Amino acid sequence: MNSDLKKLVLFQTGYPNRSHGNHSLKEKININQELDRLVSIYEHGGGFGDPDAKAEHDRKIQLLMHHQIQKVNKSNTYMALANVVIAIVNIGILIYQVFFK
């Protein structure tokens, strides 16, 4: 289960296989290092003294994953906006070629 959890976190965040746009590399590395550190607690057999500690640990992992996903969504939004602009330019060129040439 330990390696499965780490694979799930890495898959959902896209680390290390995907590039996430123009975000600062240092910030991505810090978030990824923190995720690795939190997930590795399970691998080393680290126990939690009480259920609240485990719940807090899981919330930290979820928060870091949320930040990663937000970064990906932000870059996807910019790419979609660029695609819309390119499509509008292409439509303008098509209209010009058909009607004004």
PDB file of N, CA and C in Angstrom:
ATOM      1  N   MET A   1       0.817  -1.192   0.000  1.00  0.00           N
ATOM      2  CA  MET A   1       0.000   0.000   0.000  1.00  0.00           C
ATOM      3  C   MET A   1       0.860   1.255   0.000  1.00  0.00           C
ATOM      4  N   ASN A   2       2.005   1.215   0.622  1.00  0.00           N
ATOM      5  CA  ASN A   2       2.856   2.396   0.700  1.00  0.00           C
ATOM      6  C   ASN A   2       3.268   2.868  -0.681  1.00  0.00           C
ATOM      7  N   SER A   3       3.748   1.953  -1.502  1.00  0.00           N
ATOM      8  CA  SER A   3       4.159   2.351  -2.846  1.00  0.00           C
ATOM      9  C   SER A   3       2.955   2.729  -3.697  1.00  0.00           C
ATOM     10  N   ASP A   4       1.804   2.108  -3.439  1.00  0.00           N
ATOM     11  CA  ASP A   4       0.596   2.472  -4.176  1.00  0.00           C
ATOM     12  C   ASP A   4       0.186   3.906  -3.876  1.00  0.00           C
ATOM     13  N   LEU A   5       0.281   4.308  -2.614  1.00  0.00           N
ATOM     14  CA  LEU A   5      -0.063   5.675  -2.249  1.00  0.00           C
ATOM     15  C   LEU A   5       0.884   6.657  -2.918  1.00  0.00           C
ATOM     16  N   LYS A   6       2.171   6.348  -2.919  1.00  0.00           N
ATOM     17  CA  LYS A   6       3.142   7.244  -3.550  1.00  0.00           C
ATOM     18  C   LYS A   6       2.880   7.338  -5.053  1.00  0.00           C
ATOM     19  N   LYS A   7       2.581   6.205  -5.696  1.00  0.00           N
ATOM     20  CA  LYS A   7       2.282   6.221  -7.125  1.00  0.00           C
ATOM     21  C   LYS A   7       1.036   7.054  -7.409  1.00  0.00           C
ATOM     22  N   LEU A   8       0.017   6.952  -6.538  1.00  0.00           N
ATOM     23  CA  LEU A   8      -1.205   7.725  -6.716  1.00  0.00           C
ATOM     24  C   LEU A   8      -0.913   9.217  -6.607  1.00  0.00           C
ATOM     25  N   VAL A   9      -0.126   9.604  -5.607  1.00  0.00           N
ATOM     26  CA  VAL A   9       0.210  11.017  -5.434  1.00  0.00           C
ATOM     27  C   VAL A   9       0.994  11.512  -6.633  1.00  0.00           C
ATOM     28  N   LEU A  10       1.973  10.749  -7.080  1.00  0.00           N
ATOM     29  CA  LEU A  10       2.785  11.167  -8.215  1.00  0.00           C
ATOM     30  C   LEU A  10       1.971  11.205  -9.498  1.00  0.00           C
ATOM     31  N   PHE A  11       1.035  10.259  -9.659  1.00  0.00           N
ATOM     32  CA  PHE A  11       0.189  10.254 -10.854  1.00  0.00           C
ATOM     33  C   PHE A  11      -0.738  11.460 -10.863  1.00  0.00           C
ATOM     34  N   GLN A  12      -1.381  11.748  -9.735  1.00  0.00           N
ATOM     35  CA  GLN A  12      -2.334  12.843  -9.690  1.00  0.00           C
ATOM     36  C   GLN A  12      -1.659  14.196  -9.840  1.00  0.00           C
ATOM     37  N   THR A  13      -0.444  14.310  -9.368  1.00  0.00           N
ATOM     38  CA  THR A  13       0.244  15.594  -9.481  1.00  0.00           C
ATOM     39  C   THR A  13       0.974  15.727 -10.798  1.00  0.00           C
ATOM     40  N   GLY A  14       1.184  14.622 -11.509  1.00  0.00           N
ATOM     41  CA  GLY A  14       1.879  14.687 -12.777  1.00  0.00           C
ATOM     42  C   GLY A  14       3.384  14.702 -12.629  1.00  0.00           C
ATOM     43  N   TYR A  15       3.872  14.566 -11.425  1.00  0.00           N
ATOM     44  CA  TYR A  15       5.314  14.591 -11.195  1.00  0.00           C
ATOM     45  C   TYR A  15       5.846  13.188 -11.364  1.00  0.00           C
ATOM     46  N   PRO A  16       6.934  12.938 -12.003  1.00  0.00           N
ATOM     47  CA  PRO A  16       7.848  13.858 -12.648  1.00  0.00           C
ATOM     48  C   PRO A  16       7.680  13.890 -14.158  1.00  0.00           C
ATOM     49  N   ASN A  17       6.607  13.366 -14.686  1.00  0.00           N
ATOM     50  CA  ASN A  17       6.501  13.159 -16.131  1.00  0.00           C
ATOM     51  C   ASN A  17       5.990  14.345 -16.922  1.00  0.00           C
ATOM     52  N   ARG A  18       5.302  15.294 -16.304  1.00  0.00           N
ATOM     53  CA  ARG A  18       4.703  16.383 -17.055  1.00  0.00           C
ATOM     54  C   ARG A  18       5.318  17.716 -16.685  1.00  0.00           C
ATOM     55  N   SER A  19       5.385  18.574 -17.667  1.00  0.00           N
ATOM     56  CA  SER A  19       5.815  19.943 -17.410  1.00  0.00           C
ATOM     57  C   SER A  19       4.568  20.771 -17.151  1.00  0.00           C
ATOM     58  N   HIS A  20       4.641  21.674 -16.196  1.00  0.00           N
ATOM     59  CA  HIS A  20       3.466  22.439 -15.812  1.00  0.00           C
ATOM     60  C   HIS A  20       3.596  23.899 -16.198  1.00  0.00           C
ATOM     61  N   GLY A  21       3.961  24.172 -17.403  1.00  0.00           N
ATOM     62  CA  GLY A  21       3.994  25.539 -17.865  1.00  0.00           C
ATOM     63  C   GLY A  21       5.196  26.300 -17.355  1.00  0.00           C
ATOM     64  N   ASN A  22       5.005  27.588 -17.076  1.00  0.00           N
ATOM     65  CA  ASN A  22       6.112  28.449 -16.724  1.00  0.00           C
ATOM     66  C   ASN A  22       6.178  28.758 -15.238  1.00  0.00           C
ATOM     67  N   HIS A  23       5.771  27.830 -14.398  1.00  0.00           N
ATOM     68  CA  HIS A  23       5.848  28.040 -12.965  1.00  0.00           C
ATOM     69  C   HIS A  23       7.296  27.920 -12.521  1.00  0.00           C
ATOM     70  N   SER A  24       7.595  28.571 -11.425  1.00  0.00           N
ATOM     71  CA  SER A  24       8.979  28.544 -10.976  1.00  0.00           C
ATOM     72  C   SER A  24       9.378  27.119 -10.617  1.00  0.00           C
ATOM     73  N   LEU A  25      10.534  26.748 -11.083  1.00  0.00           N
ATOM     74  CA  LEU A  25      11.040  25.403 -10.856  1.00  0.00           C
ATOM     75  C   LEU A  25      11.283  25.168  -9.376  1.00  0.00           C
ATOM     76  N   LYS A  26      11.745  26.178  -8.685  1.00  0.00           N
ATOM     77  CA  LYS A  26      12.022  26.040  -7.259  1.00  0.00           C
ATOM     78  C   LYS A  26      10.747  25.725  -6.486  1.00  0.00           C
ATOM     79  N   GLU A  27       9.645  26.391  -6.847  1.00  0.00           N
ATOM     80  CA  GLU A  27       8.375  26.153  -6.177  1.00  0.00           C
ATOM     81  C   GLU A  27       7.876  24.733  -6.426  1.00  0.00           C
ATOM     82  N   LYS A  28       8.006  24.249  -7.689  1.00  0.00           N
ATOM     83  CA  LYS A  28       7.593  22.877  -8.003  1.00  0.00           C
ATOM     84  C   LYS A  28       8.432  21.876  -7.231  1.00  0.00           C
ATOM     85  N   ILE A  29       9.735  22.132  -7.159  1.00  0.00           N
ATOM     86  CA  ILE A  29      10.619  21.203  -6.456  1.00  0.00           C
ATOM     87  C   ILE A  29      10.272  21.170  -4.980  1.00  0.00           C
ATOM     88  N   ASN A  30       9.989  22.338  -4.379  1.00  0.00           N
ATOM     89  CA  ASN A  30       9.633  22.370  -2.961  1.00  0.00           C
ATOM     90  C   ASN A  30       8.364  21.582  -2.687  1.00  0.00           C
ATOM     91  N   ILE A  31       7.343  21.762  -3.510  1.00  0.00           N
ATOM     92  CA  ILE A  31       6.087  21.030  -3.310  1.00  0.00           C
ATOM     93  C   ILE A  31       6.318  19.538  -3.517  1.00  0.00           C
ATOM     94  N   ASN A  32       7.068  19.184  -4.557  1.00  0.00           N
ATOM     95  CA  ASN A  32       7.323  17.767  -4.812  1.00  0.00           C
ATOM     96  C   ASN A  32       8.168  17.136  -3.717  1.00  0.00           C
ATOM     97  N   GLN A  33       9.147  17.868  -3.199  1.00  0.00           N
ATOM     98  CA  GLN A  33       9.952  17.341  -2.097  1.00  0.00           C
ATOM     99  C   GLN A  33       9.102  17.141  -0.852  1.00  0.00           C
ATOM    100  N   GLU A  34       8.225  18.082  -0.578  1.00  0.00           N
ATOM    101  CA  GLU A  34       7.353  17.957   0.592  1.00  0.00           C
ATOM    102  C   GLU A  34       6.396  16.773   0.427  1.00  0.00           C
ATOM    103  N   LEU A  35       5.856  16.591  -0.789  1.00  0.00           N
ATOM    104  CA  LEU A  35       5.005  15.424  -1.040  1.00  0.00           C
ATOM    105  C   LEU A  35       5.785  14.126  -0.833  1.00  0.00           C
ATOM    106  N   ASP A  36       6.994  14.066  -1.376  1.00  0.00           N
ATOM    107  CA  ASP A  36       7.820  12.871  -1.197  1.00  0.00           C
ATOM    108  C   ASP A  36       8.093  12.604   0.271  1.00  0.00           C
ATOM    109  N   ARG A  37       8.366  13.660   1.020  1.00  0.00           N
ATOM    110  CA  ARG A  37       8.661  13.496   2.438  1.00  0.00           C
ATOM    111  C   ARG A  37       7.442  12.977   3.194  1.00  0.00           C
ATOM    112  N   LEU A  38       6.272  13.560   2.899  1.00  0.00           N
ATOM    113  CA  LEU A  38       5.065  13.136   3.602  1.00  0.00           C
ATOM    114  C   LEU A  38       4.666  11.707   3.242  1.00  0.00           C
ATOM    115  N   VAL A  39       4.805  11.355   1.974  1.00  0.00           N
ATOM    116  CA  VAL A  39       4.434  10.014   1.541  1.00  0.00           C
ATOM    117  C   VAL A  39       5.432   8.986   2.072  1.00  0.00           C
ATOM    118  N   SER A  40       6.696   9.372   2.201  1.00  0.00           N
ATOM    119  CA  SER A  40       7.710   8.416   2.652  1.00  0.00           C
ATOM    120  C   SER A  40       7.515   8.009   4.109  1.00  0.00           C
ATOM    121  N   ILE A  41       6.752   8.760   4.874  1.00  0.00           N
ATOM    122  CA  ILE A  41       6.478   8.373   6.260  1.00  0.00           C
ATOM    123  C   ILE A  41       5.779   7.017   6.288  1.00  0.00           C
ATOM    124  N   TYR A  42       4.881   6.791   5.333  1.00  0.00           N
ATOM    125  CA  TYR A  42       4.204   5.493   5.253  1.00  0.00           C
ATOM    126  C   TYR A  42       5.197   4.379   4.932  1.00  0.00           C
ATOM    127  N   GLU A  43       6.160   4.667   4.065  1.00  0.00           N
ATOM    128  CA  GLU A  43       7.111   3.645   3.638  1.00  0.00           C
ATOM    129  C   GLU A  43       8.031   3.200   4.756  1.00  0.00           C
ATOM    130  N   HIS A  44       8.368   4.113   5.656  1.00  0.00           N
ATOM    131  CA  HIS A  44       9.288   3.782   6.740  1.00  0.00           C
ATOM    132  C   HIS A  44       8.581   3.171   7.932  1.00  0.00           C
ATOM    133  N   GLY A  45       7.305   2.922   7.794  1.00  0.00           N
ATOM    134  CA  GLY A  45       6.558   2.290   8.872  1.00  0.00           C
ATOM    135  C   GLY A  45       6.251   3.246  10.007  1.00  0.00           C
ATOM    136  N   GLY A  46       6.332   4.529   9.742  1.00  0.00           N
ATOM    137  CA  GLY A  46       6.047   5.514  10.781  1.00  0.00           C
ATOM    138  C   GLY A  46       4.596   5.440  11.200  1.00  0.00           C
ATOM    139  N   GLY A  47       4.383   5.315  12.483  1.00  0.00           N
ATOM    140  CA  GLY A  47       3.027   5.240  12.995  1.00  0.00           C
ATOM    141  C   GLY A  47       2.562   6.605  13.470  1.00  0.00           C
ATOM    142  N   PHE A  48       1.300   6.701  13.721  1.00  0.00           N
ATOM    143  CA  PHE A  48       0.725   7.938  14.224  1.00  0.00           C
ATOM    144  C   PHE A  48       0.193   7.659  15.612  1.00  0.00           C
ATOM    145  N   GLY A  49       0.442   8.594  16.522  1.00  0.00           N
ATOM    146  CA  GLY A  49       0.039   8.402  17.905  1.00  0.00           C
ATOM    147  C   GLY A  49      -1.458   8.397  18.091  1.00  0.00           C
ATOM    148  N   ASP A  50      -2.154   9.173  17.305  1.00  0.00           N
ATOM    149  CA  ASP A  50      -3.610   9.226  17.440  1.00  0.00           C
ATOM    150  C   ASP A  50      -4.230   9.449  16.064  1.00  0.00           C
ATOM    151  N   PRO A  51      -5.510   9.189  15.950  1.00  0.00           N
ATOM    152  CA  PRO A  51      -6.168   9.338  14.645  1.00  0.00           C
ATOM    153  C   PRO A  51      -6.116  10.767  14.104  1.00  0.00           C
ATOM    154  N   ASP A  52      -6.080  11.759  15.004  1.00  0.00           N
ATOM    155  CA  ASP A  52      -6.015  13.141  14.539  1.00  0.00           C
ATOM    156  C   ASP A  52      -4.708  13.431  13.815  1.00  0.00           C
ATOM    157  N   ALA A  53      -3.613  12.835  14.273  1.00  0.00           N
ATOM    158  CA  ALA A  53      -2.320  13.044  13.623  1.00  0.00           C
ATOM    159  C   ALA A  53      -2.342  12.460  12.211  1.00  0.00           C
ATOM    160  N   LYS A  54      -2.936  11.277  12.058  1.00  0.00           N
ATOM    161  CA  LYS A  54      -3.029  10.665  10.731  1.00  0.00           C
ATOM    162  C   LYS A  54      -3.923  11.505   9.824  1.00  0.00           C
ATOM    163  N   ALA A  55      -5.023  11.997  10.362  1.00  0.00           N
ATOM    164  CA  ALA A  55      -5.930  12.833   9.569  1.00  0.00           C
ATOM    165  C   ALA A  55      -5.237  14.128   9.150  1.00  0.00           C
ATOM    166  N   GLU A  56      -4.460  14.729  10.044  1.00  0.00           N
ATOM    167  CA  GLU A  56      -3.727  15.954   9.703  1.00  0.00           C
ATOM    168  C   GLU A  56      -2.687  15.680   8.625  1.00  0.00           C
ATOM    169  N   HIS A  57      -2.014  14.540   8.735  1.00  0.00           N
ATOM    170  CA  HIS A  57      -1.024  14.140   7.736  1.00  0.00           C
ATOM    171  C   HIS A  57      -1.680  13.982   6.366  1.00  0.00           C
ATOM    172  N   ASP A  58      -2.827  13.316   6.345  1.00  0.00           N
ATOM    173  CA  ASP A  58      -3.552  13.134   5.081  1.00  0.00           C
ATOM    174  C   ASP A  58      -4.032  14.465   4.515  1.00  0.00           C
ATOM    175  N   ARG A  59      -4.438  15.382   5.377  1.00  0.00           N
ATOM    176  CA  ARG A  59      -4.867  16.715   4.909  1.00  0.00           C
ATOM    177  C   ARG A  59      -3.703  17.478   4.283  1.00  0.00           C
ATOM    178  N   LYS A  60      -2.517  17.339   4.855  1.00  0.00           N
ATOM    179  CA  LYS A  60      -1.348  18.004   4.275  1.00  0.00           C
ATOM    180  C   LYS A  60      -1.056  17.465   2.883  1.00  0.00           C
ATOM    181  N   ILE A  61      -1.143  16.151   2.730  1.00  0.00           N
ATOM    182  CA  ILE A  61      -0.921  15.542   1.412  1.00  0.00           C
ATOM    183  C   ILE A  61      -1.971  16.039   0.423  1.00  0.00           C
ATOM    184  N   GLN A  62      -3.218  16.060   0.850  1.00  0.00           N
ATOM    185  CA  GLN A  62      -4.292  16.528  -0.030  1.00  0.00           C
ATOM    186  C   GLN A  62      -4.107  17.993  -0.414  1.00  0.00           C
ATOM    187  N   LEU A  63      -3.662  18.821   0.524  1.00  0.00           N
ATOM    188  CA  LEU A  63      -3.443  20.232   0.235  1.00  0.00           C
ATOM    189  C   LEU A  63      -2.328  20.420  -0.790  1.00  0.00           C
ATOM    190  N   LEU A  64      -1.237  19.690  -0.626  1.00  0.00           N
ATOM    191  CA  LEU A  64      -0.138  19.792  -1.586  1.00  0.00           C
ATOM    192  C   LEU A  64      -0.562  19.300  -2.971  1.00  0.00           C
ATOM    193  N   MET A  65      -1.334  18.220  -3.000  1.00  0.00           N
ATOM    194  CA  MET A  65      -1.840  17.726  -4.284  1.00  0.00           C
ATOM    195  C   MET A  65      -2.763  18.771  -4.915  1.00  0.00           C
ATOM    196  N   HIS A  66      -3.559  19.435  -4.088  1.00  0.00           N
ATOM    197  CA  HIS A  66      -4.463  20.476  -4.587  1.00  0.00           C
ATOM    198  C   HIS A  66      -3.667  21.619  -5.218  1.00  0.00           C
ATOM    199  N   HIS A  67      -2.568  22.025  -4.579  1.00  0.00           N
ATOM    200  CA  HIS A  67      -1.736  23.088  -5.141  1.00  0.00           C
ATOM    201  C   HIS A  67      -1.144  22.667  -6.482  1.00  0.00           C
ATOM    202  N   GLN A  68      -0.707  21.421  -6.570  1.00  0.00           N
ATOM    203  CA  GLN A  68      -0.164  20.920  -7.832  1.00  0.00           C
ATOM    204  C   GLN A  68      -1.233  20.958  -8.926  1.00  0.00           C
ATOM    205  N   ILE A  69      -2.418  20.498  -8.601  1.00  0.00           N
ATOM    206  CA  ILE A  69      -3.503  20.449  -9.584  1.00  0.00           C
ATOM    207  C   ILE A  69      -3.910  21.853 -10.010  1.00  0.00           C
ATOM    208  N   GLN A  70      -3.903  22.810  -9.075  1.00  0.00           N
ATOM    209  CA  GLN A  70      -4.218  24.196  -9.427  1.00  0.00           C
ATOM    210  C   GLN A  70      -3.218  24.751 -10.433  1.00  0.00           C
ATOM    211  N   LYS A  71      -1.952  24.437 -10.256  1.00  0.00           N
ATOM    212  CA  LYS A  71      -0.927  24.913 -11.185  1.00  0.00           C
ATOM    213  C   LYS A  71      -1.159  24.347 -12.579  1.00  0.00           C
ATOM    214  N   VAL A  72      -1.488  23.068 -12.650  1.00  0.00           N
ATOM    215  CA  VAL A  72      -1.742  22.435 -13.941  1.00  0.00           C
ATOM    216  C   VAL A  72      -2.972  23.060 -14.594  1.00  0.00           C
ATOM    217  N   ASN A  73      -4.017  23.264 -13.818  1.00  0.00           N
ATOM    218  CA  ASN A  73      -5.236  23.861 -14.368  1.00  0.00           C
ATOM    219  C   ASN A  73      -4.990  25.281 -14.858  1.00  0.00           C
ATOM    220  N   LYS A  74      -4.162  26.029 -14.148  1.00  0.00           N
ATOM    221  CA  LYS A  74      -3.856  27.398 -14.568  1.00  0.00           C
ATOM    222  C   LYS A  74      -3.128  27.401 -15.910  1.00  0.00           C
ATOM    223  N   SER A  75      -2.145  26.527 -16.049  1.00  0.00           N
ATOM    224  CA  SER A  75      -1.422  26.487 -17.323  1.00  0.00           C
ATOM    225  C   SER A  75      -2.326  25.974 -18.442  1.00  0.00           C
ATOM    226  N   ASN A  76      -3.229  25.045 -18.131  1.00  0.00           N
ATOM    227  CA  ASN A  76      -4.173  24.563 -19.143  1.00  0.00           C
ATOM    228  C   ASN A  76      -5.117  25.676 -19.586  1.00  0.00           C
ATOM    229  N   THR A  77      -5.511  26.534 -18.667  1.00  0.00           N
ATOM    230  CA  THR A  77      -6.378  27.656 -19.008  1.00  0.00           C
ATOM    231  C   THR A  77      -5.670  28.605 -19.965  1.00  0.00           C
ATOM    232  N   TYR A  78      -4.400  28.900 -19.691  1.00  0.00           N
ATOM    233  CA  TYR A  78      -3.645  29.777 -20.585  1.00  0.00           C
ATOM    234  C   TYR A  78      -3.489  29.156 -21.965  1.00  0.00           C
ATOM    235  N   MET A  79      -3.256  27.853 -22.015  1.00  0.00           N
ATOM    236  CA  MET A  79      -3.125  27.184 -23.317  1.00  0.00           C
ATOM    237  C   MET A  79      -4.448  27.211 -24.068  1.00  0.00           C
ATOM    238  N   ALA A  80      -5.556  27.024 -23.379  1.00  0.00           N
ATOM    239  CA  ALA A  80      -6.864  27.067 -24.024  1.00  0.00           C
ATOM    240  C   ALA A  80      -7.151  28.472 -24.549  1.00  0.00           C
ATOM    241  N   LEU A  81      -6.789  29.500 -23.792  1.00  0.00           N
ATOM    242  CA  LEU A  81      -6.984  30.872 -24.243  1.00  0.00           C
ATOM    243  C   LEU A  81      -6.150  31.153 -25.491  1.00  0.00           C
ATOM    244  N   ALA A  82      -4.919  30.668 -25.498  1.00  0.00           N
ATOM    245  CA  ALA A  82      -4.070  30.840 -26.684  1.00  0.00           C
ATOM    246  C   ALA A  82      -4.683  30.127 -27.888  1.00  0.00           C
ATOM    247  N   ASN A  83      -5.248  28.953 -27.685  1.00  0.00           N
ATOM    248  CA  ASN A  83      -5.892  28.219 -28.781  1.00  0.00           C
ATOM    249  C   ASN A  83      -7.095  28.975 -29.325  1.00  0.00           C
ATOM    250  N   VAL A  84      -7.854  29.626 -28.460  1.00  0.00           N
ATOM    251  CA  VAL A  84      -9.011  30.409 -28.902  1.00  0.00           C
ATOM    252  C   VAL A  84      -8.541  31.592 -29.750  1.00  0.00           C
ATOM    253  N   VAL A  85      -7.488  32.263 -29.310  1.00  0.00           N
ATOM    254  CA  VAL A  85      -6.964  33.395 -30.078  1.00  0.00           C
ATOM    255  C   VAL A  85      -6.481  32.931 -31.448  1.00  0.00           C
ATOM    256  N   ILE A  86      -5.775  31.825 -31.489  1.00  0.00           N
ATOM    257  CA  ILE A  86      -5.293  31.277 -32.769  1.00  0.00           C
ATOM    258  C   ILE A  86      -6.462  30.904 -33.672  1.00  0.00           C
ATOM    259  N   ALA A  87      -7.508  30.329 -33.098  1.00  0.00           N
ATOM    260  CA  ALA A  87      -8.684  29.957 -33.897  1.00  0.00           C
ATOM    261  C   ALA A  87      -9.351  31.195 -34.474  1.00  0.00           C
ATOM    262  N   ILE A  88      -9.455  32.267 -33.700  1.00  0.00           N
ATOM    263  CA  ILE A  88     -10.069  33.501 -34.194  1.00  0.00           C
ATOM    264  C   ILE A  88      -9.240  34.097 -35.327  1.00  0.00           C
ATOM    265  N   VAL A  89      -7.928  34.079 -35.180  1.00  0.00           N
ATOM    266  CA  VAL A  89      -7.054  34.576 -36.243  1.00  0.00           C
ATOM    267  C   VAL A  89      -7.229  33.728 -37.509  1.00  0.00           C
ATOM    268  N   ASN A  90      -7.305  32.418 -37.351  1.00  0.00           N
ATOM    269  CA  ASN A  90      -7.501  31.532 -38.506  1.00  0.00           C
ATOM    270  C   ASN A  90      -8.834  31.799 -39.196  1.00  0.00           C
ATOM    271  N   ILE A  91      -9.868  32.043 -38.432  1.00  0.00           N
ATOM    272  CA  ILE A  91     -11.174  32.357 -39.023  1.00  0.00           C
ATOM    273  C   ILE A  91     -11.094  33.670 -39.785  1.00  0.00           C
ATOM    274  N   GLY A  92     -10.407  34.655 -39.210  1.00  0.00           N
ATOM    275  CA  GLY A  92     -10.228  35.931 -39.905  1.00  0.00           C
ATOM    276  C   GLY A  92      -9.486  35.768 -41.213  1.00  0.00           C
ATOM    277  N   ILE A  93      -8.437  34.968 -41.214  1.00  0.00           N
ATOM    278  CA  ILE A  93      -7.674  34.714 -42.446  1.00  0.00           C
ATOM    279  C   ILE A  93      -8.541  34.003 -43.472  1.00  0.00           C
ATOM    280  N   LEU A  94      -9.338  33.027 -43.034  1.00  0.00           N
ATOM    281  CA  LEU A  94     -10.219  32.300 -43.951  1.00  0.00           C
ATOM    282  C   LEU A  94     -11.234  33.248 -44.574  1.00  0.00           C
ATOM    283  N   ILE A  95     -11.836  34.104 -43.773  1.00  0.00           N
ATOM    284  CA  ILE A  95     -12.820  35.057 -44.296  1.00  0.00           C
ATOM    285  C   ILE A  95     -12.169  35.999 -45.292  1.00  0.00           C
ATOM    286  N   TYR A  96     -10.975  36.468 -44.981  1.00  0.00           N
ATOM    287  CA  TYR A  96     -10.258  37.346 -45.891  1.00  0.00           C
ATOM    288  C   TYR A  96      -9.968  36.643 -47.223  1.00  0.00           C
ATOM    289  N   GLN A  97      -9.528  35.384 -47.153  1.00  0.00           N
ATOM    290  CA  GLN A  97      -9.193  34.655 -48.382  1.00  0.00           C
ATOM    291  C   GLN A  97     -10.427  34.392 -49.231  1.00  0.00           C
ATOM    292  N   VAL A  98     -11.544  34.091 -48.620  1.00  0.00           N
ATOM    293  CA  VAL A  98     -12.729  33.754 -49.389  1.00  0.00           C
ATOM    294  C   VAL A  98     -13.388  34.992 -49.986  1.00  0.00           C
ATOM    295  N   PHE A  99     -13.509  36.048 -49.223  1.00  0.00           N
ATOM    296  CA  PHE A  99     -14.310  37.198 -49.677  1.00  0.00           C
ATOM    297  C   PHE A  99     -13.486  38.344 -50.270  1.00  0.00           C
ATOM    298  N   PHE A 100     -12.240  38.471 -49.941  1.00  0.00           N
ATOM    299  CA  PHE A 100     -11.502  39.649 -50.361  1.00  0.00           C
ATOM    300  C   PHE A 100     -10.357  39.322 -51.313  1.00  0.00           C
ATOM    301  N   LYS A 101     -10.267  38.152 -51.822  1.00  0.00           N
ATOM    302  CA  LYS A 101      -9.203  37.811 -52.751  1.00  0.00           C
ATOM    303  C   LYS A 101      -9.726  37.401 -54.083  1.00  0.00           C
TER     304      LYS A 101
END
